[in-house]
Amino acid sequence: MSQDQAHGLLDSTGNPIARMPNVVKPGTNGIVRNEAGEILLQRRADNGLWGLPGGVQDVGESARDGAIREVFEETGLTVSVTRLIGVYSDPHQYAIDAYPGGHTVHYVTAVFECERIAGELTLSGESTDLGYFPPDALPDVTPPGVRLRVRDALAGRAAAFIR
């Protein structure tokens, strides 16, 4: 994709990107629900938006293990992965993150449904708040890419979404 094609692409928050990403990275998200069916979200310290726990998969780590690690690091919860919800990589569907200073990354993110095994909610340096929210009442400052992933998780499809 050329620089000219960046026009019209949106980042994960729904804002237009100024330039094409120069790197593709593997990412993971974990969707954790409580007994009431509410979705666990973290308020991100870097942009103040609510998102799913997750991050970049480490070298030598499976996507599954990356999701488990990221959920633990960002929430204090030990989880197991119960199913793959989908793989999100389409640059036209919020797969690009723009960072301060103009750095942009195109993510290929595996999103997993996770079940809490142990632990208590604990803030990390990457979060300013953690909370469970009804899927139909997510905070106003929840980006469209997160809403899409939550909607897909609730669809209950056996087959994974490829977006």
C-alpha atoms as a PDB file:
ATOM      1  CA  MET A   1       0.000   0.000   0.000  1.00  0.00           C
ATOM      2  CA  SER A   2       1.448   3.368  -0.920  1.00  0.00           C
ATOM      3  CA  GLN A   3       1.490   6.548   1.135  1.00  0.00           C
ATOM      4  CA  ASP A   4      -1.290   7.894  -1.079  1.00  0.00           C
ATOM      5  CA  GLN A   5      -3.453   4.952  -0.054  1.00  0.00           C
ATOM      6  CA  ALA A   6      -3.217   5.979   3.621  1.00  0.00           C
ATOM      7  CA  HIS A   7      -5.936   8.484   2.806  1.00  0.00           C
ATOM      8  CA  GLY A   8      -9.188   7.035   4.013  1.00  0.00           C
ATOM      9  CA  LEU A   9      -7.712   4.530   6.479  1.00  0.00           C
ATOM     10  CA  LEU A  10      -8.648   4.839  10.137  1.00  0.00           C
ATOM     11  CA  ASP A  11      -6.651   3.895  13.204  1.00  0.00           C
ATOM     12  CA  SER A  12      -8.040   1.722  15.994  1.00  0.00           C
ATOM     13  CA  THR A  13      -9.774   4.742  17.531  1.00  0.00           C
ATOM     14  CA  GLY A  14     -11.573   5.652  14.297  1.00  0.00           C
ATOM     15  CA  ASN A  15      -9.337   8.625  13.475  1.00  0.00           C
ATOM     16  CA  PRO A  16      -7.730   9.062  10.029  1.00  0.00           C
ATOM     17  CA  ILE A  17      -4.087   8.023   9.838  1.00  0.00           C
ATOM     18  CA  ALA A  18      -1.556  10.569   8.599  1.00  0.00           C
ATOM     19  CA  ARG A  19       0.835   8.029   7.101  1.00  0.00           C
ATOM     20  CA  MET A  20       1.047   4.341   6.358  1.00  0.00           C
ATOM     21  CA  PRO A  21       2.540   2.101   9.046  1.00  0.00           C
ATOM     22  CA  ASN A  22       6.108   0.971   8.465  1.00  0.00           C
ATOM     23  CA  VAL A  23       5.838  -2.187  10.567  1.00  0.00           C
ATOM     24  CA  VAL A  24       3.457  -5.113  11.080  1.00  0.00           C
ATOM     25  CA  LYS A  25       3.355  -6.722  14.539  1.00  0.00           C
ATOM     26  CA  PRO A  26       1.482  -9.707  15.998  1.00  0.00           C
ATOM     27  CA  GLY A  27      -0.903  -8.789  18.806  1.00  0.00           C
ATOM     28  CA  THR A  28      -3.332 -10.494  21.148  1.00  0.00           C
ATOM     29  CA  ASN A  29      -6.433  -9.525  23.103  1.00  0.00           C
ATOM     30  CA  GLY A  30      -8.290 -11.456  25.771  1.00  0.00           C
ATOM     31  CA  ILE A  31     -12.016 -11.124  26.309  1.00  0.00           C
ATOM     32  CA  VAL A  32     -12.851 -11.971  29.916  1.00  0.00           C
ATOM     33  CA  ARG A  33     -16.427 -12.019  31.186  1.00  0.00           C
ATOM     34  CA  ASN A  34     -17.685 -12.144  34.751  1.00  0.00           C
ATOM     35  CA  GLU A  35     -20.598 -14.223  36.079  1.00  0.00           C
ATOM     36  CA  ALA A  36     -23.036 -11.515  34.949  1.00  0.00           C
ATOM     37  CA  GLY A  37     -21.693 -11.680  31.365  1.00  0.00           C
ATOM     38  CA  GLU A  38     -20.035  -8.274  31.585  1.00  0.00           C
ATOM     39  CA  ILE A  39     -16.831  -7.603  29.605  1.00  0.00           C
ATOM     40  CA  LEU A  40     -13.554  -6.705  31.339  1.00  0.00           C
ATOM     41  CA  LEU A  41     -12.024  -3.505  29.976  1.00  0.00           C
ATOM     42  CA  GLN A  42      -8.964  -1.499  30.946  1.00  0.00           C
ATOM     43  CA  ARG A  43      -8.679   2.259  30.696  1.00  0.00           C
ATOM     44  CA  ARG A  44      -5.397   2.730  28.882  1.00  0.00           C
ATOM     45  CA  ALA A  45      -2.805   5.023  30.441  1.00  0.00           C
ATOM     46  CA  ASP A  46      -1.443   6.095  27.029  1.00  0.00           C
ATOM     47  CA  ASN A  47      -4.655   7.455  25.503  1.00  0.00           C
ATOM     48  CA  GLY A  48      -7.386   7.357  28.165  1.00  0.00           C
ATOM     49  CA  LEU A  49      -9.594   5.057  26.094  1.00  0.00           C
ATOM     50  CA  TRP A  50     -11.167   1.826  27.295  1.00  0.00           C
ATOM     51  CA  GLY A  51      -9.854  -1.323  25.627  1.00  0.00           C
ATOM     52  CA  LEU A  52      -9.453  -5.039  25.906  1.00  0.00           C
ATOM     53  CA  PRO A  53      -6.434  -6.356  27.791  1.00  0.00           C
ATOM     54  CA  GLY A  54      -3.756  -7.293  25.302  1.00  0.00           C
ATOM     55  CA  GLY A  55      -0.616  -6.293  23.534  1.00  0.00           C
ATOM     56  CA  VAL A  56       2.253  -7.411  21.350  1.00  0.00           C
ATOM     57  CA  GLN A  57       3.109 -11.084  21.175  1.00  0.00           C
ATOM     58  CA  ASP A  58       6.698 -11.758  22.273  1.00  0.00           C
ATOM     59  CA  VAL A  59       9.296 -13.568  20.160  1.00  0.00           C
ATOM     60  CA  GLY A  60       9.148 -17.300  20.925  1.00  0.00           C
ATOM     61  CA  GLU A  61       5.620 -17.053  22.343  1.00  0.00           C
ATOM     62  CA  SER A  62       2.422 -18.475  20.884  1.00  0.00           C
ATOM     63  CA  ALA A  63      -0.532 -16.143  20.349  1.00  0.00           C
ATOM     64  CA  ARG A  64      -2.418 -18.115  23.011  1.00  0.00           C
ATOM     65  CA  ASP A  65       0.370 -17.709  25.553  1.00  0.00           C
ATOM     66  CA  GLY A  66       0.719 -14.035  24.624  1.00  0.00           C
ATOM     67  CA  ALA A  67      -2.943 -13.430  25.416  1.00  0.00           C
ATOM     68  CA  ILE A  68      -2.652 -15.213  28.762  1.00  0.00           C
ATOM     69  CA  ARG A  69       0.473 -13.216  29.664  1.00  0.00           C
ATOM     70  CA  GLU A  70      -0.966  -9.878  28.568  1.00  0.00           C
ATOM     71  CA  VAL A  71      -4.224 -10.380  30.493  1.00  0.00           C
ATOM     72  CA  PHE A  72      -2.208 -11.230  33.614  1.00  0.00           C
ATOM     73  CA  GLU A  73       0.201  -8.301  33.216  1.00  0.00           C
ATOM     74  CA  GLU A  74      -2.571  -5.766  32.631  1.00  0.00           C
ATOM     75  CA  THR A  75      -5.254  -7.038  35.023  1.00  0.00           C
ATOM     76  CA  GLY A  76      -3.694  -9.393  37.601  1.00  0.00           C
ATOM     77  CA  LEU A  77      -5.999 -12.220  36.481  1.00  0.00           C
ATOM     78  CA  THR A  78      -4.786 -15.685  35.596  1.00  0.00           C
ATOM     79  CA  VAL A  79      -6.878 -16.955  32.677  1.00  0.00           C
ATOM     80  CA  SER A  80      -7.183 -19.898  30.333  1.00  0.00           C
ATOM     81  CA  VAL A  81      -8.056 -19.552  26.657  1.00  0.00           C
ATOM     82  CA  THR A  82     -11.372 -21.179  25.741  1.00  0.00           C
ATOM     83  CA  ARG A  83     -11.709 -20.244  22.054  1.00  0.00           C
ATOM     84  CA  LEU A  84     -10.404 -18.101  19.242  1.00  0.00           C
ATOM     85  CA  ILE A  85     -12.879 -15.320  18.517  1.00  0.00           C
ATOM     86  CA  GLY A  86     -11.081 -14.003  15.470  1.00  0.00           C
ATOM     87  CA  VAL A  87      -8.037 -12.628  13.713  1.00  0.00           C
ATOM     88  CA  TYR A  88      -8.135  -8.893  13.017  1.00  0.00           C
ATOM     89  CA  SER A  89      -5.757  -7.490  10.397  1.00  0.00           C
ATOM     90  CA  ASP A  90      -7.790  -5.553   7.829  1.00  0.00           C
ATOM     91  CA  PRO A  91      -6.370  -2.013   7.734  1.00  0.00           C
ATOM     92  CA  HIS A  92      -9.883  -0.813   6.836  1.00  0.00           C
ATOM     93  CA  GLN A  93     -11.269  -2.243  10.094  1.00  0.00           C
ATOM     94  CA  TYR A  94      -9.245  -0.551  12.836  1.00  0.00           C
ATOM     95  CA  ALA A  95      -6.071  -2.707  12.722  1.00  0.00           C
ATOM     96  CA  ILE A  96      -3.710   0.283  12.797  1.00  0.00           C
ATOM     97  CA  ASP A  97      -2.556   2.049  15.952  1.00  0.00           C
ATOM     98  CA  ALA A  98      -1.139   5.556  15.807  1.00  0.00           C
ATOM     99  CA  TYR A  99       1.190   6.597  18.616  1.00  0.00           C
ATOM    100  CA  PRO A 100       2.499   9.976  19.779  1.00  0.00           C
ATOM    101  CA  GLY A 101       5.265  11.238  17.514  1.00  0.00           C
ATOM    102  CA  GLY A 102       3.619   9.849  14.355  1.00  0.00           C
ATOM    103  CA  HIS A 103       4.695   6.207  14.780  1.00  0.00           C
ATOM    104  CA  THR A 104       2.052   3.837  13.350  1.00  0.00           C
ATOM    105  CA  VAL A 105       1.814   0.045  13.558  1.00  0.00           C
ATOM    106  CA  HIS A 106      -0.348  -2.344  11.555  1.00  0.00           C
ATOM    107  CA  TYR A 107      -1.372  -5.156  13.921  1.00  0.00           C
ATOM    108  CA  VAL A 108      -2.448  -8.701  13.157  1.00  0.00           C
ATOM    109  CA  THR A 109      -4.341  -9.446  16.354  1.00  0.00           C
ATOM    110  CA  ALA A 110      -5.632 -12.792  17.576  1.00  0.00           C
ATOM    111  CA  VAL A 111      -8.567 -12.240  19.939  1.00  0.00           C
ATOM    112  CA  PHE A 112      -9.348 -15.005  22.400  1.00  0.00           C
ATOM    113  CA  GLU A 113     -12.206 -15.681  24.772  1.00  0.00           C
ATOM    114  CA  CYS A 114     -10.664 -16.272  28.188  1.00  0.00           C
ATOM    115  CA  GLU A 115     -11.933 -17.735  31.441  1.00  0.00           C
ATOM    116  CA  ARG A 116     -10.747 -16.390  34.795  1.00  0.00           C
ATOM    117  CA  ILE A 117      -8.936 -19.026  36.861  1.00  0.00           C
ATOM    118  CA  ALA A 118      -7.576 -16.930  39.730  1.00  0.00           C
ATOM    119  CA  GLY A 119      -6.386 -13.505  40.809  1.00  0.00           C
ATOM    120  CA  GLU A 120      -7.840 -10.147  41.732  1.00  0.00           C
ATOM    121  CA  LEU A 121      -8.096  -7.101  39.495  1.00  0.00           C
ATOM    122  CA  THR A 122      -4.854  -5.138  39.843  1.00  0.00           C
ATOM    123  CA  LEU A 123      -3.808  -2.026  37.934  1.00  0.00           C
ATOM    124  CA  SER A 124      -0.601  -2.060  35.919  1.00  0.00           C
ATOM    125  CA  GLY A 125       1.459   0.828  34.585  1.00  0.00           C
ATOM    126  CA  GLU A 126      -0.496   0.481  31.332  1.00  0.00           C
ATOM    127  CA  SER A 127      -3.914   1.087  32.917  1.00  0.00           C
ATOM    128  CA  THR A 128      -5.569   3.791  34.981  1.00  0.00           C
ATOM    129  CA  ASP A 129      -8.728   1.781  35.690  1.00  0.00           C
ATOM    130  CA  LEU A 130     -10.222  -1.684  35.241  1.00  0.00           C
ATOM    131  CA  GLY A 131     -13.868  -2.626  35.181  1.00  0.00           C
ATOM    132  CA  TYR A 132     -16.543  -4.977  33.926  1.00  0.00           C
ATOM    133  CA  PHE A 133     -19.209  -3.482  31.667  1.00  0.00           C
ATOM    134  CA  PRO A 134     -22.444  -4.806  30.150  1.00  0.00           C
ATOM    135  CA  PRO A 135     -21.775  -5.465  26.450  1.00  0.00           C
ATOM    136  CA  ASP A 136     -24.622  -3.134  25.472  1.00  0.00           C
ATOM    137  CA  ALA A 137     -23.355  -0.319  27.747  1.00  0.00           C
ATOM    138  CA  LEU A 138     -19.638   0.003  27.055  1.00  0.00           C
ATOM    139  CA  PRO A 139     -18.098   3.359  28.072  1.00  0.00           C
ATOM    140  CA  ASP A 140     -18.463   6.179  25.548  1.00  0.00           C
ATOM    141  CA  VAL A 141     -14.681   6.293  25.062  1.00  0.00           C
ATOM    142  CA  THR A 142     -14.484   2.697  23.817  1.00  0.00           C
ATOM    143  CA  PRO A 143     -12.939   2.660  20.311  1.00  0.00           C
ATOM    144  CA  PRO A 144     -14.832   1.135  17.364  1.00  0.00           C
ATOM    145  CA  GLY A 145     -12.276  -1.685  16.965  1.00  0.00           C
ATOM    146  CA  VAL A 146     -12.934  -2.832  20.542  1.00  0.00           C
ATOM    147  CA  ARG A 147     -16.678  -2.661  19.992  1.00  0.00           C
ATOM    148  CA  LEU A 148     -16.316  -4.815  16.854  1.00  0.00           C
ATOM    149  CA  ARG A 149     -14.335  -7.470  18.761  1.00  0.00           C
ATOM    150  CA  VAL A 150     -16.841  -7.513  21.625  1.00  0.00           C
ATOM    151  CA  ARG A 151     -19.731  -7.846  19.154  1.00  0.00           C
ATOM    152  CA  ASP A 152     -17.933 -10.760  17.469  1.00  0.00           C
ATOM    153  CA  ALA A 153     -17.307 -12.435  20.843  1.00  0.00           C
ATOM    154  CA  LEU A 154     -20.996 -12.248  21.687  1.00  0.00           C
ATOM    155  CA  ALA A 155     -22.045 -13.705  18.318  1.00  0.00           C
ATOM    156  CA  GLY A 156     -21.235 -17.175  19.661  1.00  0.00           C
ATOM    157  CA  ARG A 157     -19.983 -18.448  16.324  1.00  0.00           C
ATOM    158  CA  ALA A 158     -17.996 -21.667  16.378  1.00  0.00           C
ATOM    159  CA  ALA A 159     -15.852 -20.487  13.455  1.00  0.00           C
ATOM    160  CA  ALA A 160     -13.435 -17.628  14.043  1.00  0.00           C
ATOM    161  CA  PHE A 161     -13.996 -14.261  12.403  1.00  0.00           C
ATOM    162  CA  ILE A 162     -11.333 -13.202   9.885  1.00  0.00           C
ATOM    163  CA  ARG A 163     -11.365  -9.407   9.697  1.00  0.00           C
END
